[in-house]
Amino acid sequence: MVELVTRNYWWPGITRDVGRYIEGCDLCQQIKNRTEEVAGKLKLGEVPEKPWMYISVDFITKLPTVAGKDAILVVCDRLLKMTHFVATMEGTTAEGLVRLFRDNI
């Protein structure tokens, strides 16, 4: 905080005065400075060498029920940007997900 004040002002005992002001200010006591490091530059991800080497999988849920299905399994390949949409039920188990993946992708 002293650094911000000394950018524009200076007087003898500035550090002591700013410290006293901060200790007596409720708002200053509630606001905390960031303790984590500032994020660095973004790095590009690796480009997959083969199709279906890296995929993303997600569910779209809370849909109206049609033919007993109320969710969609979305599987997308990062290299080809090919996407598969599989109708399923919201309560699909891990075993059911494996079957859906095996049978439809």
N, C-alpha and C. Protein backbone atom coordinates (compact mmCIF):
# COMPACT_ATOMS: atom_id res chain seq x y z
N MET A 1 0.82 -1.18 0.00
CA MET A 1 0.00 0.00 0.00
C MET A 1 0.87 1.25 0.00
N VAL A 2 1.99 1.19 0.71
CA VAL A 2 2.89 2.33 0.77
C VAL A 2 3.39 2.67 -0.63
N GLU A 3 3.63 1.64 -1.43
CA GLU A 3 4.11 1.87 -2.80
C GLU A 3 3.12 2.70 -3.60
N LEU A 4 1.84 2.43 -3.44
CA LEU A 4 0.82 3.19 -4.17
C LEU A 4 0.83 4.66 -3.77
N VAL A 5 1.00 4.94 -2.47
CA VAL A 5 0.99 6.31 -1.99
C VAL A 5 2.26 7.04 -2.43
N THR A 6 3.40 6.34 -2.37
CA THR A 6 4.66 7.01 -2.69
C THR A 6 4.84 7.26 -4.18
N ARG A 7 3.97 6.73 -5.00
CA ARG A 7 4.03 7.05 -6.43
C ARG A 7 3.75 8.53 -6.67
N ASN A 8 2.86 9.10 -5.85
CA ASN A 8 2.45 10.49 -6.05
C ASN A 8 2.82 11.43 -4.89
N TYR A 9 3.09 10.88 -3.70
CA TYR A 9 3.32 11.71 -2.53
C TYR A 9 4.53 11.21 -1.76
N TRP A 10 5.10 12.13 -0.94
CA TRP A 10 6.18 11.74 -0.03
C TRP A 10 6.25 12.76 1.10
N TRP A 11 6.46 12.26 2.30
CA TRP A 11 6.72 13.11 3.47
C TRP A 11 7.46 12.26 4.48
N PRO A 12 8.17 12.86 5.42
CA PRO A 12 8.89 12.09 6.44
C PRO A 12 7.89 11.28 7.28
N GLY A 13 8.16 9.99 7.45
CA GLY A 13 7.28 9.11 8.24
C GLY A 13 6.10 8.59 7.45
N ILE A 14 6.19 8.57 6.13
CA ILE A 14 5.07 8.13 5.29
C ILE A 14 4.71 6.66 5.55
N THR A 15 5.73 5.81 5.74
CA THR A 15 5.47 4.39 5.98
C THR A 15 4.70 4.19 7.27
N ARG A 16 5.09 4.89 8.34
CA ARG A 16 4.42 4.78 9.63
C ARG A 16 2.98 5.27 9.52
N ASP A 17 2.76 6.40 8.86
CA ASP A 17 1.42 6.97 8.75
C ASP A 17 0.49 6.08 7.93
N VAL A 18 0.99 5.55 6.83
CA VAL A 18 0.17 4.66 6.01
C VAL A 18 -0.17 3.40 6.79
N GLY A 19 0.79 2.84 7.53
CA GLY A 19 0.54 1.65 8.35
C GLY A 19 -0.54 1.90 9.39
N ARG A 20 -0.51 3.05 10.06
CA ARG A 20 -1.52 3.39 11.06
C ARG A 20 -2.90 3.52 10.41
N TYR A 21 -2.93 4.14 9.23
CA TYR A 21 -4.20 4.31 8.53
C TYR A 21 -4.81 2.95 8.18
N ILE A 22 -3.99 2.05 7.67
CA ILE A 22 -4.49 0.73 7.28
C ILE A 22 -4.98 -0.06 8.49
N GLU A 23 -4.27 0.02 9.61
CA GLU A 23 -4.69 -0.70 10.82
C GLU A 23 -6.02 -0.20 11.35
N GLY A 24 -6.32 1.08 11.15
CA GLY A 24 -7.56 1.65 11.65
C GLY A 24 -8.72 1.59 10.67
N CYS A 25 -8.49 1.13 9.47
CA CYS A 25 -9.53 1.12 8.44
C CYS A 25 -10.15 -0.28 8.34
N ASP A 26 -11.45 -0.40 8.62
CA ASP A 26 -12.12 -1.70 8.57
C ASP A 26 -12.08 -2.30 7.17
N LEU A 27 -12.32 -1.49 6.17
CA LEU A 27 -12.32 -1.98 4.80
C LEU A 27 -10.94 -2.50 4.42
N CYS A 28 -9.88 -1.79 4.81
CA CYS A 28 -8.52 -2.24 4.49
C CYS A 28 -8.21 -3.57 5.16
N GLN A 29 -8.76 -3.82 6.35
CA GLN A 29 -8.52 -5.07 7.06
C GLN A 29 -9.26 -6.24 6.41
N GLN A 30 -10.39 -5.96 5.77
CA GLN A 30 -11.19 -7.02 5.15
C GLN A 30 -10.65 -7.42 3.78
N ILE A 31 -10.06 -6.47 3.06
CA ILE A 31 -9.57 -6.74 1.72
C ILE A 31 -8.18 -7.34 1.82
N LYS A 32 -7.97 -8.45 1.17
CA LYS A 32 -6.68 -9.13 1.22
C LYS A 32 -6.00 -9.04 -0.14
N ASN A 33 -4.69 -8.97 -0.13
CA ASN A 33 -3.93 -9.02 -1.37
C ASN A 33 -3.85 -10.46 -1.84
N ARG A 34 -3.63 -10.65 -3.12
CA ARG A 34 -3.46 -12.00 -3.66
C ARG A 34 -2.16 -12.60 -3.15
N THR A 35 -2.23 -13.84 -2.73
CA THR A 35 -1.02 -14.52 -2.27
C THR A 35 -0.44 -15.43 -3.34
N GLU A 36 -1.24 -15.76 -4.37
CA GLU A 36 -0.75 -16.64 -5.42
C GLU A 36 0.00 -15.84 -6.48
N GLU A 37 0.85 -16.52 -7.21
CA GLU A 37 1.60 -15.88 -8.28
C GLU A 37 0.68 -15.51 -9.43
N VAL A 38 1.07 -14.49 -10.14
CA VAL A 38 0.32 -14.10 -11.34
C VAL A 38 0.54 -15.18 -12.39
N ALA A 39 -0.53 -15.52 -13.11
CA ALA A 39 -0.43 -16.58 -14.11
C ALA A 39 0.55 -16.18 -15.22
N GLY A 40 1.29 -17.15 -15.70
CA GLY A 40 2.25 -16.90 -16.77
C GLY A 40 1.59 -16.92 -18.14
N LYS A 41 2.41 -16.98 -19.15
CA LYS A 41 1.89 -17.01 -20.52
C LYS A 41 1.22 -18.35 -20.79
N LEU A 42 0.21 -18.32 -21.63
CA LEU A 42 -0.48 -19.55 -22.01
C LEU A 42 0.42 -20.39 -22.91
N LYS A 43 0.33 -21.69 -22.74
CA LYS A 43 1.10 -22.60 -23.57
C LYS A 43 0.13 -23.40 -24.44
N LEU A 44 0.50 -23.60 -25.67
CA LEU A 44 -0.34 -24.38 -26.56
C LEU A 44 -0.30 -25.84 -26.16
N GLY A 45 -1.45 -26.49 -26.27
CA GLY A 45 -1.51 -27.92 -26.00
C GLY A 45 -0.89 -28.71 -27.14
N GLU A 46 -0.57 -29.95 -26.83
CA GLU A 46 0.01 -30.81 -27.86
C GLU A 46 -1.05 -31.15 -28.90
N VAL A 47 -0.65 -31.22 -30.15
CA VAL A 47 -1.55 -31.61 -31.22
C VAL A 47 -1.53 -33.14 -31.29
N PRO A 48 -2.70 -33.77 -31.21
CA PRO A 48 -2.74 -35.23 -31.28
C PRO A 48 -2.18 -35.73 -32.61
N GLU A 49 -1.51 -36.88 -32.56
CA GLU A 49 -0.92 -37.44 -33.78
C GLU A 49 -1.90 -38.33 -34.54
N LYS A 50 -2.81 -38.99 -33.81
CA LYS A 50 -3.76 -39.90 -34.44
C LYS A 50 -5.18 -39.54 -34.02
N PRO A 51 -6.14 -39.80 -34.91
CA PRO A 51 -7.54 -39.57 -34.53
C PRO A 51 -7.94 -40.42 -33.33
N TRP A 52 -8.81 -39.90 -32.51
CA TRP A 52 -9.35 -40.56 -31.34
C TRP A 52 -8.29 -40.90 -30.30
N MET A 53 -7.16 -40.19 -30.35
CA MET A 53 -6.13 -40.36 -29.32
C MET A 53 -6.50 -39.54 -28.08
N TYR A 54 -7.04 -38.32 -28.29
CA TYR A 54 -7.51 -37.47 -27.21
C TYR A 54 -8.95 -37.10 -27.48
N ILE A 55 -9.81 -37.38 -26.51
CA ILE A 55 -11.23 -37.10 -26.68
C ILE A 55 -11.75 -36.33 -25.46
N SER A 56 -12.88 -35.70 -25.65
CA SER A 56 -13.60 -35.11 -24.52
C SER A 56 -14.97 -35.77 -24.46
N VAL A 57 -15.44 -36.02 -23.25
CA VAL A 57 -16.72 -36.70 -23.04
C VAL A 57 -17.54 -35.85 -22.07
N ASP A 58 -18.82 -35.65 -22.39
CA ASP A 58 -19.69 -34.85 -21.53
C ASP A 58 -21.12 -35.34 -21.66
N PHE A 59 -21.93 -35.04 -20.67
CA PHE A 59 -23.35 -35.36 -20.70
C PHE A 59 -24.15 -34.07 -20.77
N ILE A 60 -25.21 -34.06 -21.57
CA ILE A 60 -26.20 -33.00 -21.54
C ILE A 60 -27.42 -33.61 -20.88
N THR A 61 -27.83 -33.06 -19.74
CA THR A 61 -28.90 -33.66 -18.95
C THR A 61 -30.08 -32.71 -18.79
N LYS A 62 -31.08 -33.19 -18.07
CA LYS A 62 -32.30 -32.44 -17.78
C LYS A 62 -33.08 -32.07 -19.04
N LEU A 63 -33.10 -32.99 -20.00
CA LEU A 63 -33.84 -32.80 -21.24
C LEU A 63 -35.22 -33.44 -21.12
N PRO A 64 -36.18 -33.01 -21.93
CA PRO A 64 -37.49 -33.67 -21.93
C PRO A 64 -37.33 -35.14 -22.36
N THR A 65 -38.10 -36.02 -21.75
CA THR A 65 -38.00 -37.44 -22.05
C THR A 65 -38.64 -37.75 -23.41
N VAL A 66 -37.85 -38.40 -24.26
CA VAL A 66 -38.31 -38.83 -25.57
C VAL A 66 -37.86 -40.27 -25.75
N ALA A 67 -38.81 -41.17 -25.98
CA ALA A 67 -38.52 -42.60 -26.16
C ALA A 67 -37.71 -43.15 -24.99
N GLY A 68 -38.01 -42.67 -23.78
CA GLY A 68 -37.33 -43.18 -22.59
C GLY A 68 -35.93 -42.61 -22.36
N LYS A 69 -35.50 -41.67 -23.16
CA LYS A 69 -34.17 -41.07 -23.04
C LYS A 69 -34.31 -39.61 -22.61
N ASP A 70 -33.48 -39.19 -21.64
CA ASP A 70 -33.56 -37.81 -21.17
C ASP A 70 -32.19 -37.13 -21.05
N ALA A 71 -31.18 -37.71 -21.70
CA ALA A 71 -29.84 -37.12 -21.67
C ALA A 71 -29.12 -37.48 -22.97
N ILE A 72 -28.05 -36.75 -23.24
CA ILE A 72 -27.24 -37.01 -24.43
C ILE A 72 -25.79 -37.13 -24.01
N LEU A 73 -25.14 -38.20 -24.46
CA LEU A 73 -23.70 -38.37 -24.26
C LEU A 73 -23.00 -37.75 -25.47
N VAL A 74 -22.08 -36.81 -25.21
CA VAL A 74 -21.36 -36.13 -26.28
C VAL A 74 -19.90 -36.54 -26.21
N VAL A 75 -19.38 -37.12 -27.29
CA VAL A 75 -17.98 -37.53 -27.37
C VAL A 75 -17.36 -36.80 -28.56
N CYS A 76 -16.25 -36.07 -28.31
CA CYS A 76 -15.63 -35.27 -29.35
C CYS A 76 -14.15 -35.60 -29.47
N ASP A 77 -13.68 -35.79 -30.71
CA ASP A 77 -12.27 -36.03 -30.99
C ASP A 77 -11.57 -34.69 -31.16
N ARG A 78 -10.44 -34.49 -30.48
CA ARG A 78 -9.74 -33.21 -30.54
C ARG A 78 -9.07 -32.96 -31.89
N LEU A 79 -8.59 -33.98 -32.56
CA LEU A 79 -7.88 -33.78 -33.82
C LEU A 79 -8.83 -33.48 -34.97
N LEU A 80 -9.81 -34.34 -35.17
CA LEU A 80 -10.72 -34.20 -36.31
C LEU A 80 -11.93 -33.32 -36.01
N LYS A 81 -12.15 -33.01 -34.75
CA LYS A 81 -13.35 -32.27 -34.32
C LYS A 81 -14.62 -33.03 -34.67
N MET A 82 -14.50 -34.35 -34.77
CA MET A 82 -15.65 -35.20 -35.05
C MET A 82 -16.39 -35.42 -33.72
N THR A 83 -17.71 -35.32 -33.78
CA THR A 83 -18.50 -35.43 -32.56
C THR A 83 -19.58 -36.50 -32.73
N HIS A 84 -19.77 -37.28 -31.69
CA HIS A 84 -20.83 -38.29 -31.65
C HIS A 84 -21.81 -37.89 -30.55
N PHE A 85 -23.10 -37.97 -30.86
CA PHE A 85 -24.16 -37.69 -29.89
C PHE A 85 -24.94 -38.98 -29.69
N VAL A 86 -25.04 -39.44 -28.44
CA VAL A 86 -25.71 -40.70 -28.15
C VAL A 86 -26.83 -40.43 -27.13
N ALA A 87 -28.06 -40.77 -27.49
CA ALA A 87 -29.19 -40.61 -26.57
C ALA A 87 -29.07 -41.64 -25.46
N THR A 88 -29.29 -41.19 -24.22
CA THR A 88 -29.17 -42.08 -23.07
C THR A 88 -30.07 -41.57 -21.95
N MET A 89 -29.95 -42.18 -20.79
CA MET A 89 -30.72 -41.77 -19.63
C MET A 89 -29.80 -41.08 -18.63
N GLU A 90 -30.36 -40.17 -17.84
CA GLU A 90 -29.57 -39.40 -16.89
C GLU A 90 -28.92 -40.27 -15.82
N GLY A 91 -29.53 -41.34 -15.43
CA GLY A 91 -29.00 -42.21 -14.38
C GLY A 91 -28.02 -43.25 -14.89
N THR A 92 -27.35 -43.03 -15.99
CA THR A 92 -26.42 -44.00 -16.57
C THR A 92 -25.27 -44.25 -15.61
N THR A 93 -24.97 -45.51 -15.38
CA THR A 93 -23.86 -45.88 -14.49
C THR A 93 -22.55 -45.90 -15.28
N ALA A 94 -21.45 -46.11 -14.58
CA ALA A 94 -20.14 -46.20 -15.24
C ALA A 94 -20.12 -47.39 -16.19
N GLU A 95 -20.71 -48.48 -15.77
CA GLU A 95 -20.78 -49.66 -16.63
C GLU A 95 -21.62 -49.39 -17.88
N GLY A 96 -22.71 -48.65 -17.70
CA GLY A 96 -23.55 -48.27 -18.83
C GLY A 96 -22.83 -47.33 -19.78
N LEU A 97 -22.00 -46.44 -19.23
CA LEU A 97 -21.21 -45.53 -20.06
C LEU A 97 -20.22 -46.30 -20.91
N VAL A 98 -19.62 -47.31 -20.34
CA VAL A 98 -18.67 -48.14 -21.12
C VAL A 98 -19.39 -48.83 -22.26
N ARG A 99 -20.58 -49.35 -21.99
CA ARG A 99 -21.37 -50.01 -23.05
C ARG A 99 -21.74 -49.01 -24.16
N LEU A 100 -22.18 -47.82 -23.76
CA LEU A 100 -22.54 -46.80 -24.75
C LEU A 100 -21.32 -46.45 -25.61
N PHE A 101 -20.21 -46.29 -24.98
CA PHE A 101 -19.00 -45.94 -25.70
C PHE A 101 -18.60 -47.05 -26.67
N ARG A 102 -18.62 -48.29 -26.18
CA ARG A 102 -18.25 -49.43 -27.01
C ARG A 102 -19.18 -49.62 -28.20
N ASP A 103 -20.46 -49.47 -27.95
CA ASP A 103 -21.44 -49.76 -28.99
C ASP A 103 -21.62 -48.61 -30.01
N ASN A 104 -21.34 -47.39 -29.62
CA ASN A 104 -21.66 -46.24 -30.47
C ASN A 104 -20.49 -45.44 -31.00
N ILE A 105 -19.32 -45.63 -30.45
CA ILE A 105 -18.19 -44.77 -30.86
C ILE A 105 -17.20 -45.59 -31.67
